[in-house]
Full PDB file with SEQRES, HELIX, SHEET, SSBOND, CRYST1, ORIGX, SCALE, CONECT and MASTER records, all heavy atoms in Angstrom:
SEQRES   1 A   38  CYS ARG ALA SER ILE ASP ARG ILE VAL ALA LEU TYR GLN          
SEQRES   2 A   38  ASP MET GLU ALA LEU GLU GLN GLY GLY TRP SER ASN HIS          
SEQRES   3 A   38  SER GLY GLY GLU HIS ILE GLN LEU CYS HIS SER HIS              
HELIX    1 AA1 ARG A    2  GLY A   21  1                                  20    
HELIX    2 AA2 SER A   24  HIS A   26  5                                   3    
CRYST1    1.000    1.000    1.000  90.00  90.00  90.00 P 1           1          
ORIGX1      1.000000  0.000000  0.000000        0.00000                         
ORIGX2      0.000000  1.000000  0.000000        0.00000                         
ORIGX3      0.000000  0.000000  1.000000        0.00000                         
SCALE1      1.000000  0.000000  0.000000        0.00000                         
SCALE2      0.000000  1.000000  0.000000        0.00000                         
SCALE3      0.000000  0.000000  1.000000        0.00000                         
ATOM      1  N   CYS A   1      11.888  31.170   8.757  1.00  0.00           N  
ATOM      2  CA  CYS A   1      11.973  30.593   7.415  1.00  0.00           C  
ATOM      3  C   CYS A   1      12.528  29.175   7.472  1.00  0.00           C  
ATOM      4  O   CYS A   1      12.015  28.267   6.822  1.00  0.00           O  
ATOM      5  CB  CYS A   1      12.843  31.481   6.526  1.00  0.00           C  
ATOM      6  SG  CYS A   1      12.924  30.947   4.802  1.00  0.00           S  
ATOM      7  N   ARG A   2      13.573  28.990   8.272  1.00  0.00           N  
ATOM      8  CA  ARG A   2      14.177  27.661   8.359  1.00  0.00           C  
ATOM      9  C   ARG A   2      13.210  26.652   8.968  1.00  0.00           C  
ATOM     10  O   ARG A   2      13.114  25.510   8.500  1.00  0.00           O  
ATOM     11  CB  ARG A   2      15.456  27.720   9.194  1.00  0.00           C  
ATOM     12  CG  ARG A   2      16.097  26.356   9.357  1.00  0.00           C  
ATOM     13  CD  ARG A   2      17.462  26.419   9.970  1.00  0.00           C  
ATOM     14  NE  ARG A   2      18.047  25.084  10.057  1.00  0.00           N  
ATOM     15  CZ  ARG A   2      19.286  24.835  10.450  1.00  0.00           C  
ATOM     16  NH1 ARG A   2      20.085  25.837  10.785  1.00  0.00           N  
ATOM     17  NH2 ARG A   2      19.737  23.610  10.499  1.00  0.00           N  
ATOM     18  N   ALA A   3      12.495  27.076  10.020  1.00  0.00           N  
ATOM     19  CA  ALA A   3      11.537  26.163  10.640  1.00  0.00           C  
ATOM     20  C   ALA A   3      10.468  25.737   9.640  1.00  0.00           C  
ATOM     21  O   ALA A   3      10.105  24.559   9.565  1.00  0.00           O  
ATOM     22  CB  ALA A   3      10.900  26.829  11.859  1.00  0.00           C  
ATOM     23  N   SER A   4       9.968  26.680   8.854  1.00  0.00           N  
ATOM     24  CA  SER A   4       8.933  26.347   7.863  1.00  0.00           C  
ATOM     25  C   SER A   4       9.499  25.469   6.748  1.00  0.00           C  
ATOM     26  O   SER A   4       8.840  24.531   6.295  1.00  0.00           O  
ATOM     27  CB  SER A   4       8.340  27.631   7.279  1.00  0.00           C  
ATOM     28  OG  SER A   4       7.592  28.324   8.244  1.00  0.00           O  
ATOM     29  N   ILE A   5      10.715  25.762   6.298  1.00  0.00           N  
ATOM     30  CA  ILE A   5      11.339  24.927   5.268  1.00  0.00           C  
ATOM     31  C   ILE A   5      11.532  23.504   5.773  1.00  0.00           C  
ATOM     32  O   ILE A   5      11.274  22.529   5.048  1.00  0.00           O  
ATOM     33  CB  ILE A   5      12.675  25.543   4.817  1.00  0.00           C  
ATOM     34  CG1 ILE A   5      12.421  26.816   3.986  1.00  0.00           C  
ATOM     35  CG2 ILE A   5      13.487  24.550   3.999  1.00  0.00           C  
ATOM     36  CD1 ILE A   5      13.677  27.561   3.606  1.00  0.00           C  
ATOM     37  N   ASP A   6      11.959  23.359   7.039  1.00  0.00           N  
ATOM     38  CA  ASP A   6      12.128  22.021   7.623  1.00  0.00           C  
ATOM     39  C   ASP A   6      10.806  21.252   7.572  1.00  0.00           C  
ATOM     40  O   ASP A   6      10.773  20.062   7.216  1.00  0.00           O  
ATOM     41  CB  ASP A   6      12.602  22.131   9.079  1.00  0.00           C  
ATOM     42  CG  ASP A   6      14.069  22.526   9.181  1.00  0.00           C  
ATOM     43  OD1 ASP A   6      14.790  22.406   8.171  1.00  0.00           O  
ATOM     44  OD2 ASP A   6      14.487  22.961  10.273  1.00  0.00           O  
ATOM     45  N   ARG A   7       9.725  21.913   7.928  1.00  0.00           N  
ATOM     46  CA  ARG A   7       8.422  21.241   7.985  1.00  0.00           C  
ATOM     47  C   ARG A   7       7.916  20.896   6.589  1.00  0.00           C  
ATOM     48  O   ARG A   7       7.332  19.833   6.376  1.00  0.00           O  
ATOM     49  CB  ARG A   7       7.422  22.131   8.721  1.00  0.00           C  
ATOM     50  CG  ARG A   7       7.683  22.224  10.219  1.00  0.00           C  
ATOM     51  CD  ARG A   7       6.890  23.348  10.891  1.00  0.00           C  
ATOM     52  NE  ARG A   7       5.470  23.201  10.720  1.00  0.00           N  
ATOM     53  CZ  ARG A   7       4.689  22.385  11.451  1.00  0.00           C  
ATOM     54  NH1 ARG A   7       5.244  21.631  12.396  1.00  0.00           N  
ATOM     55  NH2 ARG A   7       3.393  22.314  11.245  1.00  0.00           N  
ATOM     56  N   ILE A   8       8.150  21.783   5.627  1.00  0.00           N  
ATOM     57  CA  ILE A   8       7.714  21.500   4.247  1.00  0.00           C  
ATOM     58  C   ILE A   8       8.508  20.333   3.666  1.00  0.00           C  
ATOM     59  O   ILE A   8       7.947  19.414   3.058  1.00  0.00           O  
ATOM     60  CB  ILE A   8       7.877  22.752   3.370  1.00  0.00           C  
ATOM     61  CG1 ILE A   8       6.946  23.860   3.839  1.00  0.00           C  
ATOM     62  CG2 ILE A   8       7.584  22.425   1.904  1.00  0.00           C  
ATOM     63  CD1 ILE A   8       7.244  25.203   3.206  1.00  0.00           C  
ATOM     64  N   VAL A   9       9.818  20.380   3.834  1.00  0.00           N  
ATOM     65  CA  VAL A   9      10.679  19.332   3.264  1.00  0.00           C  
ATOM     66  C   VAL A   9      10.370  17.978   3.902  1.00  0.00           C  
ATOM     67  O   VAL A   9      10.339  16.948   3.209  1.00  0.00           O  
ATOM     68  CB  VAL A   9      12.161  19.707   3.436  1.00  0.00           C  
ATOM     69  CG1 VAL A   9      13.063  18.528   3.080  1.00  0.00           C  
ATOM     70  CG2 VAL A   9      12.508  20.906   2.565  1.00  0.00           C  
ATOM     71  N   ALA A  10      10.129  17.964   5.214  1.00  0.00           N  
ATOM     72  CA  ALA A  10       9.793  16.698   5.879  1.00  0.00           C  
ATOM     73  C   ALA A  10       8.512  16.102   5.302  1.00  0.00           C  
ATOM     74  O   ALA A  10       8.442  14.896   5.027  1.00  0.00           O  
ATOM     75  CB  ALA A  10       9.648  16.928   7.385  1.00  0.00           C  
ATOM     76  N   LEU A  11       7.493  16.945   5.101  1.00  0.00           N  
ATOM     77  CA  LEU A  11       6.245  16.455   4.509  1.00  0.00           C  
ATOM     78  C   LEU A  11       6.472  15.979   3.080  1.00  0.00           C  
ATOM     79  O   LEU A  11       5.981  14.912   2.680  1.00  0.00           O  
ATOM     80  CB  LEU A  11       5.197  17.569   4.538  1.00  0.00           C  
ATOM     81  CG  LEU A  11       3.852  17.262   3.868  1.00  0.00           C  
ATOM     82  CD1 LEU A  11       3.154  16.096   4.549  1.00  0.00           C  
ATOM     83  CD2 LEU A  11       2.952  18.496   3.857  1.00  0.00           C  
ATOM     84  N   TYR A  12       7.208  16.749   2.311  1.00  0.00           N  
ATOM     85  CA  TYR A  12       7.467  16.389   0.907  1.00  0.00           C  
ATOM     86  C   TYR A  12       8.223  15.061   0.820  1.00  0.00           C  
ATOM     87  O   TYR A  12       7.872  14.179   0.017  1.00  0.00           O  
ATOM     88  CB  TYR A  12       8.271  17.505   0.241  1.00  0.00           C  
ATOM     89  CG  TYR A  12       8.703  17.195  -1.167  1.00  0.00           C  
ATOM     90  CD1 TYR A  12       7.801  17.284  -2.229  1.00  0.00           C  
ATOM     91  CD2 TYR A  12      10.011  16.810  -1.450  1.00  0.00           C  
ATOM     92  CE1 TYR A  12       8.196  16.996  -3.520  1.00  0.00           C  
ATOM     93  CE2 TYR A  12      10.412  16.523  -2.736  1.00  0.00           C  
ATOM     94  CZ  TYR A  12       9.501  16.614  -3.768  1.00  0.00           C  
ATOM     95  OH  TYR A  12       9.895  16.324  -5.044  1.00  0.00           O  
ATOM     96  N   GLN A  13       9.246  14.883   1.646  1.00  0.00           N  
ATOM     97  CA  GLN A  13      10.039  13.653   1.595  1.00  0.00           C  
ATOM     98  C   GLN A  13       9.229  12.438   2.042  1.00  0.00           C  
ATOM     99  O   GLN A  13       9.378  11.351   1.470  1.00  0.00           O  
ATOM    100  CB  GLN A  13      11.289  13.822   2.454  1.00  0.00           C  
ATOM    101  CG  GLN A  13      12.299  14.792   1.874  1.00  0.00           C  
ATOM    102  CD  GLN A  13      13.494  15.022   2.769  1.00  0.00           C  
ATOM    103  OE1 GLN A  13      13.420  14.812   3.993  1.00  0.00           O  
ATOM    104  NE2 GLN A  13      14.603  15.455   2.193  1.00  0.00           N  
ATOM    105  N   ASP A  14       8.373  12.620   3.041  1.00  0.00           N  
ATOM    106  CA  ASP A  14       7.544  11.491   3.489  1.00  0.00           C  
ATOM    107  C   ASP A  14       6.527  11.094   2.420  1.00  0.00           C  
ATOM    108  O   ASP A  14       6.234   9.905   2.246  1.00  0.00           O  
ATOM    109  CB  ASP A  14       6.839  11.842   4.797  1.00  0.00           C  
ATOM    110  CG  ASP A  14       7.793  11.857   5.982  1.00  0.00           C  
ATOM    111  OD1 ASP A  14       8.902  11.304   5.852  1.00  0.00           O  
ATOM    112  OD2 ASP A  14       7.443  12.432   7.022  1.00  0.00           O  
ATOM    113  N   MET A  15       5.986  12.067   1.707  1.00  0.00           N  
ATOM    114  CA  MET A  15       5.059  11.730   0.618  1.00  0.00           C  
ATOM    115  C   MET A  15       5.803  11.086  -0.550  1.00  0.00           C  
ATOM    116  O   MET A  15       5.279  10.187  -1.205  1.00  0.00           O  
ATOM    117  CB  MET A  15       4.308  12.977   0.168  1.00  0.00           C  
ATOM    118  CG  MET A  15       3.274  13.439   1.172  1.00  0.00           C  
ATOM    119  SD  MET A  15       2.067  14.624   0.521  1.00  0.00           S  
ATOM    120  CE  MET A  15       3.132  15.984   0.062  1.00  0.00           C  
ATOM    121  N   GLU A  16       7.046  11.532  -0.806  1.00  0.00           N  
ATOM    122  CA  GLU A  16       7.851  10.880  -1.837  1.00  0.00           C  
ATOM    123  C   GLU A  16       8.133   9.431  -1.460  1.00  0.00           C  
ATOM    124  O   GLU A  16       8.104   8.543  -2.306  1.00  0.00           O  
ATOM    125  CB  GLU A  16       9.170  11.641  -2.006  1.00  0.00           C  
ATOM    126  CG  GLU A  16       9.049  12.930  -2.791  1.00  0.00           C  
ATOM    127  CD  GLU A  16       8.823  12.680  -4.266  1.00  0.00           C  
ATOM    128  OE1 GLU A  16       9.698  12.062  -4.896  1.00  0.00           O  
ATOM    129  OE2 GLU A  16       7.755  13.085  -4.776  1.00  0.00           O  
ATOM    130  N   ALA A  17       8.403   9.194  -0.165  1.00  0.00           N  
ATOM    131  CA  ALA A  17       8.646   7.822   0.289  1.00  0.00           C  
ATOM    132  C   ALA A  17       7.407   6.956   0.100  1.00  0.00           C  
ATOM    133  O   ALA A  17       7.496   5.791  -0.305  1.00  0.00           O  
ATOM    134  CB  ALA A  17       9.075   7.828   1.759  1.00  0.00           C  
ATOM    135  N   LEU A  18       6.223   7.529   0.384  1.00  0.00           N  
ATOM    136  CA  LEU A  18       4.981   6.789   0.155  1.00  0.00           C  
ATOM    137  C   LEU A  18       4.798   6.476  -1.318  1.00  0.00           C  
ATOM    138  O   LEU A  18       4.388   5.378  -1.695  1.00  0.00           O  
ATOM    139  CB  LEU A  18       3.787   7.608   0.652  1.00  0.00           C  
ATOM    140  CG  LEU A  18       3.439   7.550   2.142  1.00  0.00           C  
ATOM    141  CD1 LEU A  18       2.260   8.450   2.428  1.00  0.00           C  
ATOM    142  CD2 LEU A  18       3.137   6.132   2.569  1.00  0.00           C  
ATOM    143  N   GLU A  19       5.108   7.443  -2.179  1.00  0.00           N  
ATOM    144  CA  GLU A  19       4.913   7.274  -3.614  1.00  0.00           C  
ATOM    145  C   GLU A  19       5.848   6.221  -4.184  1.00  0.00           C  
ATOM    146  O   GLU A  19       5.456   5.405  -5.020  1.00  0.00           O  
ATOM    147  CB  GLU A  19       5.137   8.612  -4.327  1.00  0.00           C  
ATOM    148  CG  GLU A  19       4.823   8.589  -5.810  1.00  0.00           C  
ATOM    149  CD  GLU A  19       3.351   8.394  -6.099  1.00  0.00           C  
ATOM    150  OE1 GLU A  19       2.509   8.818  -5.280  1.00  0.00           O  
ATOM    151  OE2 GLU A  19       3.033   7.800  -7.140  1.00  0.00           O  
ATOM    152  N   GLN A  20       7.097   6.223  -3.715  1.00  0.00           N  
ATOM    153  CA  GLN A  20       8.096   5.322  -4.285  1.00  0.00           C  
ATOM    154  C   GLN A  20       8.076   3.944  -3.645  1.00  0.00           C  
ATOM    155  O   GLN A  20       8.199   2.941  -4.332  1.00  0.00           O  
ATOM    156  CB  GLN A  20       9.484   5.943  -4.126  1.00  0.00           C  
ATOM    157  CG  GLN A  20       9.661   7.233  -4.918  1.00  0.00           C  
ATOM    158  CD  GLN A  20      10.978   7.916  -4.611  1.00  0.00           C  
ATOM    159  OE1 GLN A  20      11.827   7.375  -3.895  1.00  0.00           O  
ATOM    160  NE2 GLN A  20      11.165   9.117  -5.135  1.00  0.00           N  
ATOM    161  N   GLY A  21       7.886   3.923  -2.313  1.00  0.00           N  
ATOM    162  CA  GLY A  21       7.994   2.641  -1.629  1.00  0.00           C  
ATOM    163  C   GLY A  21       6.704   2.079  -1.116  1.00  0.00           C  
ATOM    164  O   GLY A  21       6.690   1.047  -0.453  1.00  0.00           O  
ATOM    165  N   GLY A  22       5.573   2.747  -1.428  1.00  0.00           N  
ATOM    166  CA  GLY A  22       4.300   2.263  -0.923  1.00  0.00           C  
ATOM    167  C   GLY A  22       4.303   2.249   0.587  1.00  0.00           C  
ATOM    168  O   GLY A  22       4.703   3.195   1.241  1.00  0.00           O  
ATOM    169  N   TRP A  23       3.882   1.121   1.147  1.00  0.00           N  
ATOM    170  CA  TRP A  23       3.826   0.990   2.600  1.00  0.00           C  
ATOM    171  C   TRP A  23       5.054   0.283   3.160  1.00  0.00           C  
ATOM    172  O   TRP A  23       5.130   0.042   4.356  1.00  0.00           O  
ATOM    173  CB  TRP A  23       2.598   0.172   2.988  1.00  0.00           C  
ATOM    174  CG  TRP A  23       1.297   0.825   2.715  1.00  0.00           C  
ATOM    175  CD1 TRP A  23       0.541   0.675   1.596  1.00  0.00           C  
ATOM    176  CD2 TRP A  23       0.573   1.720   3.563  1.00  0.00           C  
ATOM    177  NE1 TRP A  23      -0.605   1.412   1.696  1.00  0.00           N  
ATOM    178  CE2 TRP A  23      -0.620   2.062   2.901  1.00  0.00           C  
ATOM    179  CE3 TRP A  23       0.823   2.261   4.822  1.00  0.00           C  
ATOM    180  CZ2 TRP A  23      -1.554   2.902   3.444  1.00  0.00           C  
ATOM    181  CZ3 TRP A  23      -0.120   3.106   5.370  1.00  0.00           C  
ATOM    182  CH2 TRP A  23      -1.280   3.427   4.687  1.00  0.00           C  
ATOM    183  N   SER A  24       6.012  -0.064   2.294  1.00  0.00           N  
ATOM    184  CA  SER A  24       7.087  -0.938   2.751  1.00  0.00           C  
ATOM    185  C   SER A  24       7.917  -0.331   3.844  1.00  0.00           C  
ATOM    186  O   SER A  24       8.419  -1.022   4.724  1.00  0.00           O  
ATOM    187  CB  SER A  24       7.998  -1.305   1.560  1.00  0.00           C  
ATOM    188  OG  SER A  24       8.526  -0.142   0.963  1.00  0.00           O  
ATOM    189  N   ASN A  25       8.081   1.002   3.832  1.00  0.00           N  
ATOM    190  CA  ASN A  25       8.920   1.612   4.850  1.00  0.00           C  
ATOM    191  C   ASN A  25       8.133   1.930   6.116  1.00  0.00           C  
ATOM    192  O   ASN A  25       8.650   2.543   7.028  1.00  0.00           O  
ATOM    193  CB  ASN A  25       9.533   2.914   4.311  1.00  0.00           C  
ATOM    194  CG  ASN A  25       8.482   3.910   3.879  1.00  0.00           C  
ATOM    195  OD1 ASN A  25       7.418   3.513   3.443  1.00  0.00           O  
ATOM    196  ND2 ASN A  25       8.793   5.182   3.991  1.00  0.00           N  
ATOM    197  N   HIS A  26       6.873   1.495   6.189  1.00  0.00           N  
ATOM    198  CA  HIS A  26       6.075   1.773   7.363  1.00  0.00           C  
ATOM    199  C   HIS A  26       5.583   0.493   8.033  1.00  0.00           C  
ATOM    200  O   HIS A  26       4.855   0.548   8.988  1.00  0.00           O  
ATOM    201  CB  HIS A  26       4.862   2.637   6.993  1.00  0.00           C  
ATOM    202  CG  HIS A  26       5.244   3.855   6.215  1.00  0.00           C  
ATOM    203  ND1 HIS A  26       5.884   4.911   6.785  1.00  0.00           N  
ATOM    204  CD2 HIS A  26       5.093   4.164   4.908  1.00  0.00           C  
ATOM    205  CE1 HIS A  26       6.102   5.851   5.866  1.00  0.00           C  
ATOM    206  NE2 HIS A  26       5.636   5.404   4.730  1.00  0.00           N  
ATOM    207  N   SER A  27       5.951  -0.634   7.516  1.00  0.00           N  
ATOM    208  CA  SER A  27       5.444  -1.890   8.078  1.00  0.00           C  
ATOM    209  C   SER A  27       6.571  -2.899   8.259  1.00  0.00           C  
ATOM    210  O   SER A  27       6.378  -4.080   8.131  1.00  0.00           O  
ATOM    211  CB  SER A  27       4.368  -2.479   7.153  1.00  0.00           C  
ATOM    212  OG  SER A  27       3.398  -1.532   6.846  1.00  0.00           O  
ATOM    213  N   GLY A  28       7.737  -2.393   8.560  1.00  0.00           N  
ATOM    214  CA  GLY A  28       8.859  -3.284   8.785  1.00  0.00           C  
ATOM    215  C   GLY A  28       9.245  -4.077   7.568  1.00  0.00           C  
ATOM    216  O   GLY A  28       9.838  -5.144   7.677  1.00  0.00           O  
ATOM    217  N   GLY A  29       8.916  -3.620   6.379  1.00  0.00           N  
ATOM    218  CA  GLY A  29       9.272  -4.316   5.146  1.00  0.00           C  
ATOM    219  C   GLY A  29       8.226  -5.320   4.704  1.00  0.00           C  
ATOM    220  O   GLY A  29       8.279  -5.819   3.593  1.00  0.00           O  
ATOM    221  N   GLU A  30       7.229  -5.662   5.565  1.00  0.00           N  
ATOM    222  CA  GLU A  30       6.182  -6.602   5.217  1.00  0.00           C  
ATOM    223  C   GLU A  30       4.874  -5.845   5.069  1.00  0.00           C  
ATOM    224  O   GLU A  30       4.469  -5.094   5.952  1.00  0.00           O  
ATOM    225  CB  GLU A  30       6.034  -7.671   6.306  1.00  0.00           C  
ATOM    226  CG  GLU A  30       7.270  -8.531   6.482  1.00  0.00           C  
ATOM    227  CD  GLU A  30       7.067  -9.586   7.560  1.00  0.00           C  
ATOM    228  OE1 GLU A  30       6.010  -9.547   8.212  1.00  0.00           O  
ATOM    229  OE2 GLU A  30       7.949 -10.434   7.735  1.00  0.00           O  
ATOM    230  N   HIS A  31       4.205  -6.046   3.954  1.00  0.00           N  
ATOM    231  CA  HIS A  31       2.932  -5.385   3.750  1.00  0.00           C  
ATOM    232  C   HIS A  31       2.130  -6.154   2.712  1.00  0.00           C  
ATOM    233  O   HIS A  31       2.653  -7.000   2.000  1.00  0.00           O  
ATOM    234  CB  HIS A  31       3.128  -3.928   3.320  1.00  0.00           C  
ATOM    235  CG  HIS A  31       3.787  -3.793   1.981  1.00  0.00           C  
ATOM    236  ND1 HIS A  31       5.115  -4.066   1.782  1.00  0.00           N  
ATOM    237  CD2 HIS A  31       3.286  -3.421   0.773  1.00  0.00           C  
ATOM    238  CE1 HIS A  31       5.412  -3.859   0.511  1.00  0.00           C  
ATOM    239  NE2 HIS A  31       4.330  -3.471  -0.120  1.00  0.00           N  
ATOM    240  N   ILE A  32       0.853  -5.852   2.650  1.00  0.00           N  
ATOM    241  CA  ILE A  32      -0.048  -6.519   1.714  1.00  0.00           C  
ATOM    242  C   ILE A  32       0.208  -5.976   0.314  1.00  0.00           C  
ATOM    243  O   ILE A  32       0.276  -4.762   0.114  1.00  0.00           O  
ATOM    244  CB  ILE A  32      -1.504  -6.284   2.141  1.00  0.00           C  
ATOM    245  CG1 ILE A  32      -1.751  -6.908   3.521  1.00  0.00           C  
ATOM    246  CG2 ILE A  32      -2.468  -6.863   1.116  1.00  0.00           C  
ATOM    247  CD1 ILE A  32      -3.076  -6.512   4.144  1.00  0.00           C  
ATOM    248  N   GLN A  33       0.357  -6.878  -0.639  1.00  0.00           N  
ATOM    249  CA  GLN A  33       0.622  -6.488  -2.024  1.00  0.00           C  
ATOM    250  C   GLN A  33      -0.692  -6.325  -2.783  1.00  0.00           C  
ATOM    251  O   GLN A  33      -1.533  -7.218  -2.785  1.00  0.00           O  
ATOM    252  CB  GLN A  33       1.484  -7.560  -2.716  1.00  0.00           C  
ATOM    253  CG  GLN A  33       2.848  -7.782  -2.087  1.00  0.00           C  
ATOM    254  CD  GLN A  33       3.809  -6.642  -2.380  1.00  0.00           C  
ATOM    255  OE1 GLN A  33       3.592  -5.873  -3.310  1.00  0.00           O  
ATOM    256  NE2 GLN A  33       4.870  -6.549  -1.597  1.00  0.00           N  
ATOM    257  N   LEU A  34      -0.850  -5.153  -3.414  1.00  0.00           N  
ATOM    258  CA  LEU A  34      -2.014  -4.897  -4.265  1.00  0.00           C  
ATOM    259  C   LEU A  34      -1.577  -4.927  -5.719  1.00  0.00           C  
ATOM    260  O   LEU A  34      -0.567  -4.322  -6.083  1.00  0.00           O  
ATOM    261  CB  LEU A  34      -2.624  -3.539  -3.960  1.00  0.00           C  
ATOM    262  CG  LEU A  34      -3.579  -3.434  -2.763  1.00  0.00           C  
ATOM    263  CD1 LEU A  34      -4.035  -1.999  -2.607  1.00  0.00           C  
ATOM    264  CD2 LEU A  34      -4.787  -4.338  -2.942  1.00  0.00           C  
ATOM    265  N   CYS A  35      -2.328  -5.631  -6.550  1.00  0.00           N  
ATOM    266  CA  CYS A  35      -2.025  -5.640  -7.979  1.00  0.00           C  
ATOM    267  C   CYS A  35      -3.349  -5.686  -8.748  1.00  0.00           C  
ATOM    268  O   CYS A  35      -4.421  -5.875  -8.171  1.00  0.00           O  
ATOM    269  CB  CYS A  35      -1.136  -6.830  -8.339  1.00  0.00           C  
ATOM    270  SG  CYS A  35      -1.864  -8.439  -7.981  1.00  0.00           S  
ATOM    271  N   HIS A  36      -3.272  -5.506 -10.063  1.00  0.00           N  
ATOM    272  CA  HIS A  36      -4.465  -5.498 -10.905  1.00  0.00           C  
ATOM    273  C   HIS A  36      -4.412  -6.676 -11.882  1.00  0.00           C  
ATOM    274  O   HIS A  36      -3.401  -6.898 -12.552  1.00  0.00           O  
ATOM    275  CB  HIS A  36      -4.573  -4.189 -11.674  1.00  0.00           C  
ATOM    276  CG  HIS A  36      -4.944  -3.028 -10.798  1.00  0.00           C  
ATOM    277  ND1 HIS A  36      -6.246  -2.669 -10.546  1.00  0.00           N  
ATOM    278  CD2 HIS A  36      -4.167  -2.166 -10.089  1.00  0.00           C  
ATOM    279  CE1 HIS A  36      -6.275  -1.623  -9.739  1.00  0.00           C  
ATOM    280  NE2 HIS A  36      -5.024  -1.298  -9.450  1.00  0.00           N  
ATOM    281  N   SER A  37      -5.509  -7.400 -11.929  1.00  0.00           N  
ATOM    282  CA  SER A  37      -5.598  -8.569 -12.795  1.00  0.00           C  
ATOM    283  C   SER A  37      -6.085  -8.153 -14.179  1.00  0.00           C  
ATOM    284  O   SER A  37      -6.696  -7.099 -14.356  1.00  0.00           O  
ATOM    285  CB  SER A  37      -6.555  -9.586 -12.180  1.00  0.00           C  
ATOM    286  OG  SER A  37      -6.857 -10.611 -13.094  1.00  0.00           O  
ATOM    287  N   HIS A  38      -5.827  -8.994 -15.154  1.00  0.00           N  
ATOM    288  CA  HIS A  38      -6.347  -8.779 -16.504  1.00  0.00           C  
ATOM    289  C   HIS A  38      -7.701  -9.463 -16.687  1.00  0.00           C  
ATOM    290  O   HIS A  38      -8.246  -9.470 -17.794  1.00  0.00           O  
ATOM    291  CB  HIS A  38      -5.357  -9.315 -17.547  1.00  0.00           C  
ATOM    292  CG  HIS A  38      -4.055  -8.583 -17.554  1.00  0.00           C  
ATOM    293  ND1 HIS A  38      -3.942  -7.255 -17.907  1.00  0.00           N  
ATOM    294  CD2 HIS A  38      -2.811  -8.995 -17.217  1.00  0.00           C  
ATOM    295  CE1 HIS A  38      -2.680  -6.874 -17.813  1.00  0.00           C  
ATOM    296  NE2 HIS A  38      -1.966  -7.911 -17.404  1.00  0.00           N  
TER     297      HIS A  38                                                      
MASTER        0    0    0    2    0    0    0    6  296    1    0    3          
END                                                                             
């Protein structure tokens, strides 16, 4: 149970990091900025 919980939580936290920080935590803080124009 603990091994499975560890694996689930690790996946969940990494996806949360992607959602909140985009690519910033995976490219040394530098990454291409995407935005939408009017």
